[in-house]
PDB file of N, CA and C in Angstrom:
ATOM      1  N   MET A   1      92.145 155.368 134.162  1.00  0.00           N
ATOM      2  CA  MET A   1      93.209 154.646 133.521  1.00  0.00           C
ATOM      3  C   MET A   1      93.411 155.207 132.107  1.00  0.00           C
ATOM      4  N   ASN A   2      94.676 155.363 131.709  1.00  0.00           N
ATOM      5  CA  ASN A   2      94.991 155.832 130.358  1.00  0.00           C
ATOM      6  C   ASN A   2      94.866 154.695 129.359  1.00  0.00           C
ATOM      7  N   ALA A   3      94.352 154.999 128.174  1.00  0.00           N
ATOM      8  CA  ALA A   3      94.257 153.990 127.114  1.00  0.00           C
ATOM      9  C   ALA A   3      95.634 153.686 126.533  1.00  0.00           C
ATOM     10  N   LEU A   4      96.516 154.648 126.554  1.00  0.00           N
ATOM     11  CA  LEU A   4      97.850 154.501 125.991  1.00  0.00           C
ATOM     12  C   LEU A   4      98.870 154.460 127.115  1.00  0.00           C
ATOM     13  N   THR A   5      99.822 153.523 127.050  1.00  0.00           N
ATOM     14  CA  THR A   5     100.827 153.414 128.096  1.00  0.00           C
ATOM     15  C   THR A   5     102.237 153.677 127.598  1.00  0.00           C
ATOM     16  N   TRP A   6     102.495 153.466 126.316  1.00  0.00           N
ATOM     17  CA  TRP A   6     103.830 153.657 125.751  1.00  0.00           C
ATOM     18  C   TRP A   6     103.687 153.765 124.241  1.00  0.00           C
ATOM     19  N   PHE A   7     104.576 154.525 123.590  1.00  0.00           N
ATOM     20  CA  PHE A   7     104.580 154.579 122.132  1.00  0.00           C
ATOM     21  C   PHE A   7     106.008 154.524 121.632  1.00  0.00           C
ATOM     22  N   GLU A   8     106.172 154.083 120.401  1.00  0.00           N
ATOM     23  CA  GLU A   8     107.480 154.045 119.753  1.00  0.00           C
ATOM     24  C   GLU A   8     107.338 154.591 118.347  1.00  0.00           C
ATOM     25  N   ILE A   9     108.171 155.572 118.023  1.00  0.00           N
ATOM     26  CA  ILE A   9     108.189 156.180 116.696  1.00  0.00           C
ATOM     27  C   ILE A   9     109.365 155.574 115.937  1.00  0.00           C
ATOM     28  N   PRO A  10     109.102 154.881 114.830  1.00  0.00           N
ATOM     29  CA  PRO A  10     110.179 154.210 114.112  1.00  0.00           C
ATOM     30  C   PRO A  10     111.082 155.172 113.355  1.00  0.00           C
ATOM     31  N   SER A  11     112.335 154.759 113.190  1.00  0.00           N
ATOM     32  CA  SER A  11     113.285 155.538 112.400  1.00  0.00           C
ATOM     33  C   SER A  11     114.051 154.607 111.472  1.00  0.00           C
ATOM     34  N   THR A  12     114.477 155.146 110.345  1.00  0.00           N
ATOM     35  CA  THR A  12     115.366 154.398 109.447  1.00  0.00           C
ATOM     36  C   THR A  12     116.802 154.857 109.638  1.00  0.00           C
ATOM     37  N   ASP A  13     116.966 156.065 110.166  1.00  0.00           N
ATOM     38  CA  ASP A  13     118.281 156.618 110.500  1.00  0.00           C
ATOM     39  C   ASP A  13     118.146 157.183 111.917  1.00  0.00           C
ATOM     40  N   PHE A  14     118.553 156.408 112.899  1.00  0.00           N
ATOM     41  CA  PHE A  14     118.329 156.764 114.296  1.00  0.00           C
ATOM     42  C   PHE A  14     118.950 158.110 114.665  1.00  0.00           C
ATOM     43  N   ASP A  15     120.194 158.354 114.251  1.00  0.00           N
ATOM     44  CA  ASP A  15     120.859 159.620 114.595  1.00  0.00           C
ATOM     45  C   ASP A  15     120.131 160.810 113.991  1.00  0.00           C
ATOM     46  N   ARG A  16     119.675 160.672 112.750  1.00  0.00           N
ATOM     47  CA  ARG A  16     118.924 161.754 112.096  1.00  0.00           C
ATOM     48  C   ARG A  16     117.621 162.009 112.841  1.00  0.00           C
ATOM     49  N   ALA A  17     116.911 160.947 113.201  1.00  0.00           N
ATOM     50  CA  ALA A  17     115.644 161.087 113.924  1.00  0.00           C
ATOM     51  C   ALA A  17     115.862 161.719 115.297  1.00  0.00           C
ATOM     52  N   LEU A  18     116.902 161.281 115.983  1.00  0.00           N
ATOM     53  CA  LEU A  18     117.229 161.835 117.293  1.00  0.00           C
ATOM     54  C   LEU A  18     117.517 163.329 117.182  1.00  0.00           C
ATOM     55  N   ASN A  19     118.311 163.707 116.203  1.00  0.00           N
ATOM     56  CA  ASN A  19     118.620 165.111 115.963  1.00  0.00           C
ATOM     57  C   ASN A  19     117.348 165.904 115.645  1.00  0.00           C
ATOM     58  N   PHE A  20     116.465 165.322 114.842  1.00  0.00           N
ATOM     59  CA  PHE A  20     115.217 165.995 114.481  1.00  0.00           C
ATOM     60  C   PHE A  20     114.414 166.331 115.740  1.00  0.00           C
ATOM     61  N   TYR A  21     114.137 165.353 116.579  1.00  0.00           N
ATOM     62  CA  TYR A  21     113.301 165.586 117.762  1.00  0.00           C
ATOM     63  C   TYR A  21     114.003 166.446 118.810  1.00  0.00           C
ATOM     64  N   ASN A  22     115.293 166.281 118.981  1.00  0.00           N
ATOM     65  CA  ASN A  22     116.032 167.157 119.896  1.00  0.00           C
ATOM     66  C   ASN A  22     115.945 168.603 119.437  1.00  0.00           C
ATOM     67  N   THR A  23     116.104 168.834 118.136  1.00  0.00           N
ATOM     68  CA  THR A  23     116.067 170.190 117.579  1.00  0.00           C
ATOM     69  C   THR A  23     114.672 170.783 117.630  1.00  0.00           C
ATOM     70  N   VAL A  24     113.694 170.054 117.141  1.00  0.00           N
ATOM     71  CA  VAL A  24     112.331 170.566 117.048  1.00  0.00           C
ATOM     72  C   VAL A  24     111.731 170.826 118.424  1.00  0.00           C
ATOM     73  N   LEU A  25     111.886 169.883 119.332  1.00  0.00           N
ATOM     74  CA  LEU A  25     111.284 170.044 120.658  1.00  0.00           C
ATOM     75  C   LEU A  25     112.149 170.845 121.620  1.00  0.00           C
ATOM     76  N   GLY A  26     113.413 171.080 121.259  1.00  0.00           N
ATOM     77  CA  GLY A  26     114.296 171.848 122.124  1.00  0.00           C
ATOM     78  C   GLY A  26     114.614 171.132 123.417  1.00  0.00           C
ATOM     79  N   GLN A  27     114.580 169.811 123.384  1.00  0.00           N
ATOM     80  CA  GLN A  27     114.875 168.987 124.554  1.00  0.00           C
ATOM     81  C   GLN A  27     115.778 167.848 124.114  1.00  0.00           C
ATOM     82  N   SER A  28     116.477 167.266 125.041  1.00  0.00           N
ATOM     83  CA  SER A  28     117.320 166.123 124.720  1.00  0.00           C
ATOM     84  C   SER A  28     116.602 164.836 125.088  1.00  0.00           C
ATOM     85  N   LEU A  29     116.471 163.953 124.113  1.00  0.00           N
ATOM     86  CA  LEU A  29     115.927 162.642 124.394  1.00  0.00           C
ATOM     87  C   LEU A  29     116.997 161.828 125.111  1.00  0.00           C
ATOM     88  N   GLU A  30     116.563 161.000 126.044  1.00  0.00           N
ATOM     89  CA  GLU A  30     117.485 160.169 126.819  1.00  0.00           C
ATOM     90  C   GLU A  30     117.867 158.939 126.000  1.00  0.00           C
ATOM     91  N   LEU A  31     119.158 158.771 125.755  1.00  0.00           N
ATOM     92  CA  LEU A  31     119.635 157.630 124.976  1.00  0.00           C
ATOM     93  C   LEU A  31     119.732 156.385 125.843  1.00  0.00           C
ATOM     94  N   THR A  32     119.198 155.303 125.326  1.00  0.00           N
ATOM     95  CA  THR A  32     119.281 154.024 126.014  1.00  0.00           C
ATOM     96  C   THR A  32     119.218 152.920 124.970  1.00  0.00           C
ATOM     97  N   GLU A  33     119.233 151.707 125.438  1.00  0.00           N
ATOM     98  CA  GLU A  33     119.180 150.557 124.545  1.00  0.00           C
ATOM     99  C   GLU A  33     118.231 149.540 125.142  1.00  0.00           C
ATOM    100  N   ASN A  34     117.481 148.871 124.291  1.00  0.00           N
ATOM    101  CA  ASN A  34     116.554 147.840 124.738  1.00  0.00           C
ATOM    102  C   ASN A  34     116.687 146.653 123.802  1.00  0.00           C
ATOM    103  N   ASN A  35     117.112 145.515 124.323  1.00  0.00           N
ATOM    104  CA  ASN A  35     117.337 144.318 123.504  1.00  0.00           C
ATOM    105  C   ASN A  35     118.259 144.593 122.319  1.00  0.00           C
ATOM    106  N   GLY A  36     119.297 145.403 122.557  1.00  0.00           N
ATOM    107  CA  GLY A  36     120.268 145.704 121.518  1.00  0.00           C
ATOM    108  C   GLY A  36     119.826 146.758 120.518  1.00  0.00           C
ATOM    109  N   LYS A  37     118.666 147.350 120.725  1.00  0.00           N
ATOM    110  CA  LYS A  37     118.140 148.375 119.817  1.00  0.00           C
ATOM    111  C   LYS A  37     118.244 149.748 120.472  1.00  0.00           C
ATOM    112  N   PRO A  38     118.670 150.773 119.703  1.00  0.00           N
ATOM    113  CA  PRO A  38     118.773 152.115 120.285  1.00  0.00           C
ATOM    114  C   PRO A  38     117.401 152.766 120.487  1.00  0.00           C
ATOM    115  N   TYR A  39     117.270 153.441 121.602  1.00  0.00           N
ATOM    116  CA  TYR A  39     116.054 154.171 121.945  1.00  0.00           C
ATOM    117  C   TYR A  39     116.431 155.597 122.333  1.00  0.00           C
ATOM    118  N   GLY A  40     115.626 156.568 121.915  1.00  0.00           N
ATOM    119  CA  GLY A  40     115.719 157.943 122.383  1.00  0.00           C
ATOM    120  C   GLY A  40     114.415 158.244 123.102  1.00  0.00           C
ATOM    121  N   ILE A  41     114.434 158.254 124.416  1.00  0.00           N
ATOM    122  CA  ILE A  41     113.209 158.382 125.208  1.00  0.00           C
ATOM    123  C   ILE A  41     112.850 159.853 125.405  1.00  0.00           C
ATOM    124  N   PHE A  42     111.598 160.174 125.080  1.00  0.00           N
ATOM    125  CA  PHE A  42     111.073 161.519 125.297  1.00  0.00           C
ATOM    126  C   PHE A  42     110.956 161.766 126.797  1.00  0.00           C
ATOM    127  N   PRO A  43     111.176 163.022 127.236  1.00  0.00           N
ATOM    128  CA  PRO A  43     111.052 163.322 128.659  1.00  0.00           C
ATOM    129  C   PRO A  43     109.644 163.015 129.172  1.00  0.00           C
ATOM    130  N   TYR A  44     109.572 162.327 130.277  1.00  0.00           N
ATOM    131  CA  TYR A  44     108.300 162.063 130.946  1.00  0.00           C
ATOM    132  C   TYR A  44     108.580 161.601 132.370  1.00  0.00           C
ATOM    133  N   GLU A  45     107.563 161.697 133.215  1.00  0.00           N
ATOM    134  CA  GLU A  45     107.676 161.224 134.582  1.00  0.00           C
ATOM    135  C   GLU A  45     106.945 159.897 134.685  1.00  0.00           C
ATOM    136  N   GLN A  46     107.670 158.863 135.057  1.00  0.00           N
ATOM    137  CA  GLN A  46     107.074 157.544 135.163  1.00  0.00           C
ATOM    138  C   GLN A  46     105.920 157.567 136.162  1.00  0.00           C
ATOM    139  N   GLY A  47     104.812 156.988 135.766  1.00  0.00           N
ATOM    140  CA  GLY A  47     103.632 156.960 136.622  1.00  0.00           C
ATOM    141  C   GLY A  47     102.769 158.200 136.516  1.00  0.00           C
ATOM    142  N   LYS A  48     103.207 159.186 135.715  1.00  0.00           N
ATOM    143  CA  LYS A  48     102.452 160.433 135.574  1.00  0.00           C
ATOM    144  C   LYS A  48     102.231 160.741 134.098  1.00  0.00           C
ATOM    145  N   GLY A  49     101.662 159.820 133.386  1.00  0.00           N
ATOM    146  CA  GLY A  49     101.391 160.039 131.976  1.00  0.00           C
ATOM    147  C   GLY A  49     102.027 158.965 131.119  1.00  0.00           C
ATOM    148  N   VAL A  50     102.063 159.223 129.844  1.00  0.00           N
ATOM    149  CA  VAL A  50     102.523 158.252 128.855  1.00  0.00           C
ATOM    150  C   VAL A  50     103.935 158.586 128.412  1.00  0.00           C
ATOM    151  N   GLY A  51     104.759 157.571 128.312  1.00  0.00           N
ATOM    152  CA  GLY A  51     106.113 157.740 127.817  1.00  0.00           C
ATOM    153  C   GLY A  51     106.252 157.127 126.444  1.00  0.00           C
ATOM    154  N   GLY A  52     107.345 157.474 125.786  1.00  0.00           N
ATOM    155  CA  GLY A  52     107.588 156.920 124.469  1.00  0.00           C
ATOM    156  C   GLY A  52     108.991 157.222 124.001  1.00  0.00           C
ATOM    157  N   ALA A  53     109.318 156.692 122.828  1.00  0.00           N
ATOM    158  CA  ALA A  53     110.681 156.819 122.335  1.00  0.00           C
ATOM    159  C   ALA A  53     110.729 156.791 120.811  1.00  0.00           C
ATOM    160  N   VAL A  54     111.809 157.340 120.283  1.00  0.00           N
ATOM    161  CA  VAL A  54     112.200 157.126 118.896  1.00  0.00           C
ATOM    162  C   VAL A  54     113.056 155.882 118.923  1.00  0.00           C
ATOM    163  N   VAL A  55     112.800 154.947 118.008  1.00  0.00           N
ATOM    164  CA  VAL A  55     113.524 153.679 118.030  1.00  0.00           C
ATOM    165  C   VAL A  55     114.036 153.313 116.640  1.00  0.00           C
ATOM    166  N   PHE A  56     115.068 152.493 116.639  1.00  0.00           N
ATOM    167  CA  PHE A  56     115.523 151.901 115.389  1.00  0.00           C
ATOM    168  C   PHE A  56     115.418 150.397 115.521  1.00  0.00           C
ATOM    169  N   ASP A  57     114.648 149.810 114.613  1.00  0.00           N
ATOM    170  CA  ASP A  57     114.473 148.365 114.569  1.00  0.00           C
ATOM    171  C   ASP A  57     114.140 148.026 113.125  1.00  0.00           C
ATOM    172  N   ASP A  58     114.844 147.065 112.555  1.00  0.00           N
ATOM    173  CA  ASP A  58     114.609 146.683 111.156  1.00  0.00           C
ATOM    174  C   ASP A  58     113.160 146.270 110.896  1.00  0.00           C
ATOM    175  N   GLN A  59     112.457 145.856 111.925  1.00  0.00           N
ATOM    176  CA  GLN A  59     111.072 145.414 111.763  1.00  0.00           C
ATOM    177  C   GLN A  59     110.072 146.567 111.740  1.00  0.00           C
ATOM    178  N   TYR A  60     110.491 147.763 112.145  1.00  0.00           N
ATOM    179  CA  TYR A  60     109.601 148.928 112.175  1.00  0.00           C
ATOM    180  C   TYR A  60     109.783 149.752 110.917  1.00  0.00           C
ATOM    181  N   LYS A  61     108.701 150.226 110.353  1.00  0.00           N
ATOM    182  CA  LYS A  61     108.744 151.053 109.158  1.00  0.00           C
ATOM    183  C   LYS A  61     108.027 152.380 109.422  1.00  0.00           C
ATOM    184  N   PRO A  62     108.700 153.513 109.220  1.00  0.00           N
ATOM    185  CA  PRO A  62     108.025 154.802 109.366  1.00  0.00           C
ATOM    186  C   PRO A  62     106.838 154.900 108.413  1.00  0.00           C
ATOM    187  N   SER A  63     105.820 155.661 108.794  1.00  0.00           N
ATOM    188  CA  SER A  63     104.635 155.804 107.962  1.00  0.00           C
ATOM    189  C   SER A  63     103.947 157.136 108.193  1.00  0.00           C
ATOM    190  N   ALA A  64     103.467 157.699 107.103  1.00  0.00           N
ATOM    191  CA  ALA A  64     102.650 158.911 107.185  1.00  0.00           C
ATOM    192  C   ALA A  64     101.179 158.554 106.992  1.00  0.00           C
ATOM    193  N   ASP A  65     100.892 157.268 106.859  1.00  0.00           N
ATOM    194  CA  ASP A  65      99.542 156.823 106.524  1.00  0.00           C
ATOM    195  C   ASP A  65      98.871 156.002 107.612  1.00  0.00           C
ATOM    196  N   SER A  66      99.395 156.042 108.800  1.00  0.00           N
ATOM    197  CA  SER A  66      98.853 155.213 109.867  1.00  0.00           C
ATOM    198  C   SER A  66      98.307 156.106 110.977  1.00  0.00           C
ATOM    199  N   PHE A  67      98.346 155.631 112.185  1.00  0.00           N
ATOM    200  CA  PHE A  67      97.837 156.390 113.326  1.00  0.00           C
ATOM    201  C   PHE A  67      98.706 157.619 113.586  1.00  0.00           C
ATOM    202  N   ILE A  68      98.203 158.518 114.430  1.00  0.00           N
ATOM    203  CA  ILE A  68      98.943 159.733 114.769  1.00  0.00           C
ATOM    204  C   ILE A  68      99.162 159.781 116.271  1.00  0.00           C
ATOM    205  N   ILE A  69     100.396 159.947 116.671  1.00  0.00           N
ATOM    206  CA  ILE A  69     100.747 160.191 118.065  1.00  0.00           C
ATOM    207  C   ILE A  69     100.877 161.705 118.214  1.00  0.00           C
ATOM    208  N   TYR A  70     100.279 162.285 119.248  1.00  0.00           N
ATOM    209  CA  TYR A  70     100.408 163.711 119.520  1.00  0.00           C
ATOM    210  C   TYR A  70     101.407 163.901 120.648  1.00  0.00           C
ATOM    211  N   LEU A  71     102.487 164.608 120.348  1.00  0.00           N
ATOM    212  CA  LEU A  71     103.506 164.912 121.344  1.00  0.00           C
ATOM    213  C   LEU A  71     103.161 166.207 122.057  1.00  0.00           C
ATOM    214  N   ASN A  72     103.556 166.305 123.296  1.00  0.00           N
ATOM    215  CA  ASN A  72     103.348 167.510 124.085  1.00  0.00           C
ATOM    216  C   ASN A  72     104.257 168.616 123.549  1.00  0.00           C
ATOM    217  N   ALA A  73     103.656 169.659 123.016  1.00  0.00           N
ATOM    218  CA  ALA A  73     104.416 170.777 122.459  1.00  0.00           C
ATOM    219  C   ALA A  73     104.365 171.992 123.366  1.00  0.00           C
ATOM    220  N   HIS A  74     104.071 171.773 124.628  1.00  0.00           N
ATOM    221  CA  HIS A  74     104.078 172.871 125.600  1.00  0.00           C
ATOM    222  C   HIS A  74     105.532 173.206 125.921  1.00  0.00           C
ATOM    223  N   SER A  75     105.932 174.402 125.569  1.00  0.00           N
ATOM    224  CA  SER A  75     107.301 174.831 125.857  1.00  0.00           C
ATOM    225  C   SER A  75     107.308 176.334 126.056  1.00  0.00           C
ATOM    226  N   GLU A  76     108.394 176.821 126.606  1.00  0.00           N
ATOM    227  CA  GLU A  76     108.519 178.267 126.808  1.00  0.00           C
ATOM    228  C   GLU A  76     108.520 179.013 125.489  1.00  0.00           C
ATOM    229  N   SER A  77     109.069 178.393 124.447  1.00  0.00           N
ATOM    230  CA  SER A  77     109.137 179.071 123.147  1.00  0.00           C
ATOM    231  C   SER A  77     107.805 179.039 122.408  1.00  0.00           C
ATOM    232  N   GLY A  78     106.924 178.111 122.745  1.00  0.00           N
ATOM    233  CA  GLY A  78     105.605 178.040 122.140  1.00  0.00           C
ATOM    234  C   GLY A  78     105.567 177.177 120.891  1.00  0.00           C
ATOM    235  N   LEU A  79     104.356 176.805 120.504  1.00  0.00           N
ATOM    236  CA  LEU A  79     104.147 175.933 119.349  1.00  0.00           C
ATOM    237  C   LEU A  79     104.622 176.577 118.058  1.00  0.00           C
ATOM    238  N   ASP A  80     104.444 177.872 117.902  1.00  0.00           N
ATOM    239  CA  ASP A  80     104.900 178.546 116.676  1.00  0.00           C
ATOM    240  C   ASP A  80     106.402 178.367 116.473  1.00  0.00           C
ATOM    241  N   ALA A  81     107.169 178.535 117.529  1.00  0.00           N
ATOM    242  CA  ALA A  81     108.629 178.380 117.436  1.00  0.00           C
ATOM    243  C   ALA A  81     109.001 176.937 117.117  1.00  0.00           C
ATOM    244  N   ILE A  82     108.279 175.989 117.702  1.00  0.00           N
ATOM    245  CA  ILE A  82     108.535 174.582 117.405  1.00  0.00           C
ATOM    246  C   ILE A  82     108.288 174.315 115.928  1.00  0.00           C
ATOM    247  N   LEU A  83     107.182 174.814 115.398  1.00  0.00           N
ATOM    248  CA  LEU A  83     106.854 174.596 113.984  1.00  0.00           C
ATOM    249  C   LEU A  83     107.882 175.243 113.052  1.00  0.00           C
ATOM    250  N   GLU A  84     108.448 176.372 113.454  1.00  0.00           N
ATOM    251  CA  GLU A  84     109.489 177.013 112.643  1.00  0.00           C
ATOM    252  C   GLU A  84     110.738 176.146 112.538  1.00  0.00           C
ATOM    253  N   ARG A  85     111.007 175.337 113.561  1.00  0.00           N
ATOM    254  CA  ARG A  85     112.201 174.494 113.555  1.00  0.00           C
ATOM    255  C   ARG A  85     112.037 173.215 112.732  1.00  0.00           C
ATOM    256  N   VAL A  86     110.804 172.833 112.430  1.00  0.00           N
ATOM    257  CA  VAL A  86     110.552 171.565 111.726  1.00  0.00           C
ATOM    258  C   VAL A  86     111.273 171.498 110.373  1.00  0.00           C
ATOM    259  N   PRO A  87     111.076 172.456 109.455  1.00  0.00           N
ATOM    260  CA  PRO A  87     111.758 172.360 108.161  1.00  0.00           C
ATOM    261  C   PRO A  87     113.285 172.423 108.284  1.00  0.00           C
ATOM    262  N   LYS A  88     113.767 173.225 109.217  1.00  0.00           N
ATOM    263  CA  LYS A  88     115.213 173.354 109.418  1.00  0.00           C
ATOM    264  C   LYS A  88     115.826 172.043 109.898  1.00  0.00           C
ATOM    265  N   ALA A  89     115.014 171.202 110.553  1.00  0.00           N
ATOM    266  CA  ALA A  89     115.503 169.928 111.081  1.00  0.00           C
ATOM    267  C   ALA A  89     115.258 168.765 110.118  1.00  0.00           C
ATOM    268  N   GLY A  90     114.713 169.071 108.935  1.00  0.00           N
ATOM    269  CA  GLY A  90     114.522 168.026 107.926  1.00  0.00           C
ATOM    270  C   GLY A  90     113.111 167.485 107.832  1.00  0.00           C
ATOM    271  N   GLY A  91     112.156 168.160 108.457  1.00  0.00           N
ATOM    272  CA  GLY A  91     110.767 167.722 108.397  1.00  0.00           C
ATOM    273  C   GLY A  91     109.910 168.683 107.602  1.00  0.00           C
ATOM    274  N   LYS A  92     108.615 168.509 107.702  1.00  0.00           N
ATOM    275  CA  LYS A  92     107.667 169.338 106.950  1.00  0.00           C
ATOM    276  C   LYS A  92     106.423 169.564 107.809  1.00  0.00           C
ATOM    277  N   VAL A  93     105.883 170.772 107.770  1.00  0.00           N
ATOM    278  CA  VAL A  93     104.627 171.057 108.464  1.00  0.00           C
ATOM    279  C   VAL A  93     103.494 170.646 107.530  1.00  0.00           C
ATOM    280  N   LEU A  94     102.684 169.685 107.960  1.00  0.00           N
ATOM    281  CA  LEU A  94     101.562 169.207 107.148  1.00  0.00           C
ATOM    282  C   LEU A  94     100.286 169.994 107.410  1.00  0.00           C
ATOM    283  N   MET A  95     100.069 170.383 108.656  1.00  0.00           N
ATOM    284  CA  MET A  95      98.910 171.184 109.037  1.00  0.00           C
ATOM    285  C   MET A  95      99.392 172.228 110.032  1.00  0.00           C
ATOM    286  N   PRO A  96      99.224 173.509 109.724  1.00  0.00           N
ATOM    287  CA  PRO A  96      99.688 174.541 110.648  1.00  0.00           C
ATOM    288  C   PRO A  96      98.872 174.533 111.943  1.00  0.00           C
ATOM    289  N   LYS A  97      99.329 175.308 112.883  1.00  0.00           N
ATOM    290  CA  LYS A  97      98.683 175.419 114.193  1.00  0.00           C
ATOM    291  C   LYS A  97      97.201 175.734 114.025  1.00  0.00           C
ATOM    292  N   MET A  98      96.391 174.948 114.715  1.00  0.00           N
ATOM    293  CA  MET A  98      94.943 175.125 114.655  1.00  0.00           C
ATOM    294  C   MET A  98      94.406 175.051 116.084  1.00  0.00           C
ATOM    295  N   HIS A  99      93.446 175.898 116.393  1.00  0.00           N
ATOM    296  CA  HIS A  99      92.870 175.914 117.731  1.00  0.00           C
ATOM    297  C   HIS A  99      91.695 174.938 117.810  1.00  0.00           C
ATOM    298  N   ILE A 100      91.724 174.100 118.823  1.00  0.00           N
ATOM    299  CA  ILE A 100      90.616 173.194 119.125  1.00  0.00           C
ATOM    300  C   ILE A 100      90.221 173.507 120.562  1.00  0.00           C
ATOM    301  N   GLU A 101      89.007 173.949 120.750  1.00  0.00           N
ATOM    302  CA  GLU A 101      88.548 174.460 122.048  1.00  0.00           C
ATOM    303  C   GLU A 101      89.053 173.663 123.247  1.00  0.00           C
ATOM    304  N   ALA A 102      88.700 172.403 123.335  1.00  0.00           N
ATOM    305  CA  ALA A 102      89.032 171.610 124.524  1.00  0.00           C
ATOM    306  C   ALA A 102      90.484 171.168 124.576  1.00  0.00           C
ATOM    307  N   ALA A 103      91.127 171.050 123.418  1.00  0.00           N
ATOM    308  CA  ALA A 103      92.487 170.493 123.373  1.00  0.00           C
ATOM    309  C   ALA A 103      93.580 171.541 123.280  1.00  0.00           C
ATOM    310  N   GLY A 104      93.228 172.790 123.110  1.00  0.00           N
ATOM    311  CA  GLY A 104      94.247 173.823 122.930  1.00  0.00           C
ATOM    312  C   GLY A 104      94.603 173.969 121.464  1.00  0.00           C
ATOM    313  N   PHE A 105      95.886 173.896 121.158  1.00  0.00           N
ATOM    314  CA  PHE A 105      96.354 174.048 119.783  1.00  0.00           C
ATOM    315  C   PHE A 105      96.986 172.747 119.311  1.00  0.00           C
ATOM    316  N   VAL A 106      96.755 172.406 118.045  1.00  0.00           N
ATOM    317  CA  VAL A 106      97.347 171.215 117.452  1.00  0.00           C
ATOM    318  C   VAL A 106      97.952 171.566 116.101  1.00  0.00           C
ATOM    319  N   ALA A 107      98.889 170.747 115.666  1.00  0.00           N
ATOM    320  CA  ALA A 107      99.498 170.860 114.348  1.00  0.00           C
ATOM    321  C   ALA A 107      99.962 169.468 113.955  1.00  0.00           C
ATOM    322  N   LEU A 108     100.149 169.254 112.660  1.00  0.00           N
ATOM    323  CA  LEU A 108     100.675 167.979 112.168  1.00  0.00           C
ATOM    324  C   LEU A 108     101.961 168.220 111.409  1.00  0.00           C
ATOM    325  N   ILE A 109     102.942 167.346 111.646  1.00  0.00           N
ATOM    326  CA  ILE A 109     104.217 167.447 110.951  1.00  0.00           C
ATOM    327  C   ILE A 109     104.585 166.095 110.345  1.00  0.00           C
ATOM    328  N   LEU A 110     105.501 166.132 109.419  1.00  0.00           N
ATOM    329  CA  LEU A 110     106.147 164.936 108.898  1.00  0.00           C
ATOM    330  C   LEU A 110     107.571 164.995 109.418  1.00  0.00           C
ATOM    331  N   ASP A 111     107.989 163.974 110.177  1.00  0.00           N
ATOM    332  CA  ASP A 111     109.329 164.023 110.752  1.00  0.00           C
ATOM    333  C   ASP A 111     110.385 163.652 109.712  1.00  0.00           C
ATOM    334  N   SER A 112     111.625 163.649 110.107  1.00  0.00           N
ATOM    335  CA  SER A 112     112.737 163.376 109.191  1.00  0.00           C
ATOM    336  C   SER A 112     112.704 161.955 108.642  1.00  0.00           C
ATOM    337  N   GLU A 113     111.934 161.074 109.267  1.00  0.00           N
ATOM    338  CA  GLU A 113     111.866 159.669 108.871  1.00  0.00           C
ATOM    339  C   GLU A 113     110.653 159.344 108.013  1.00  0.00           C
ATOM    340  N   GLY A 114     109.727 160.309 107.875  1.00  0.00           N
ATOM    341  CA  GLY A 114     108.510 160.075 107.104  1.00  0.00           C
ATOM    342  C   GLY A 114     107.303 159.716 107.940  1.00  0.00           C
ATOM    343  N   ASN A 115     107.378 159.898 109.257  1.00  0.00           N
ATOM    344  CA  ASN A 115     106.241 159.648 110.151  1.00  0.00           C
ATOM    345  C   ASN A 115     105.392 160.901 110.273  1.00  0.00           C
ATOM    346  N   ARG A 116     104.086 160.740 110.208  1.00  0.00           N
ATOM    347  CA  ARG A 116     103.166 161.839 110.502  1.00  0.00           C
ATOM    348  C   ARG A 116     102.993 161.874 112.010  1.00  0.00           C
ATOM    349  N   VAL A 117     103.273 163.036 112.614  1.00  0.00           N
ATOM    350  CA  VAL A 117     103.240 163.197 114.069  1.00  0.00           C
ATOM    351  C   VAL A 117     102.447 164.446 114.405  1.00  0.00           C
ATOM    352  N   GLY A 118     101.612 164.355 115.432  1.00  0.00           N
ATOM    353  CA  GLY A 118     100.869 165.508 115.897  1.00  0.00           C
ATOM    354  C   GLY A 118     101.603 166.215 117.017  1.00  0.00           C
ATOM    355  N   LEU A 119     101.336 167.502 117.138  1.00  0.00           N
ATOM    356  CA  LEU A 119     101.852 168.312 118.236  1.00  0.00           C
ATOM    357  C   LEU A 119     100.660 168.944 118.932  1.00  0.00           C
ATOM    358  N   ASN A 120     100.675 168.990 120.246  1.00  0.00           N
ATOM    359  CA  ASN A 120      99.571 169.548 121.016  1.00  0.00           C
ATOM    360  C   ASN A 120     100.121 170.490 122.076  1.00  0.00           C
ATOM    361  N   ALA A 121      99.568 171.689 122.128  1.00  0.00           N
ATOM    362  CA  ALA A 121      99.947 172.667 123.144  1.00  0.00           C
ATOM    363  C   ALA A 121      98.670 173.204 123.802  1.00  0.00           C
ATOM    364  N   PRO A 122      98.721 173.463 125.102  1.00  0.00           N
ATOM    365  CA  PRO A 122      97.535 173.977 125.794  1.00  0.00           C
ATOM    366  C   PRO A 122      97.150 175.360 125.279  1.00  0.00           C
ATOM    367  N   ASN A 123      95.962 175.796 125.664  1.00  0.00           N
ATOM    368  CA  ASN A 123      95.440 177.088 125.218  1.00  0.00           C
ATOM    369  C   ASN A 123      96.369 178.256 125.514  1.00  0.00           C
ATOM    370  N   SER A 124      97.156 178.171 126.560  1.00  0.00           N
ATOM    371  CA  SER A 124      98.033 179.290 126.936  1.00  0.00           C
ATOM    372  C   SER A 124      99.284 179.350 126.083  1.00  0.00           C
ATOM    373  N   ASN A 125      99.484 178.421 125.156  1.00  0.00           N
ATOM    374  CA  ASN A 125     100.713 178.349 124.382  1.00  0.00           C
ATOM    375  C   ASN A 125     100.401 178.780 122.979  1.00  0.00           C
TER     376      ASN A 125
END
């Protein structure tokens, strides 16, 4: 059983946050609404891992000082290319790509909203 079942990354400007993640990850988040709040859902297969979304809710506050969610950065372009897109999309690289034996490669970024987010790519990336 997975310890994590769903995550939500808060935004203060939903369109800016959506653009940031679409640009950086090179994928389109699925737009939806939940209880009148906009959601941008990261690609995932239901029942095969953890899903999550970028959300806008007045009760949520972005933070660089709290927990870290690691997003799957496995892509054809590779983690290096993803990290190159971060500043261009309005974010900042906090920790460059680092190799961790069992986990592959990781990096930390600050997104356009001020959230500290991890990126994880397998050893082959």
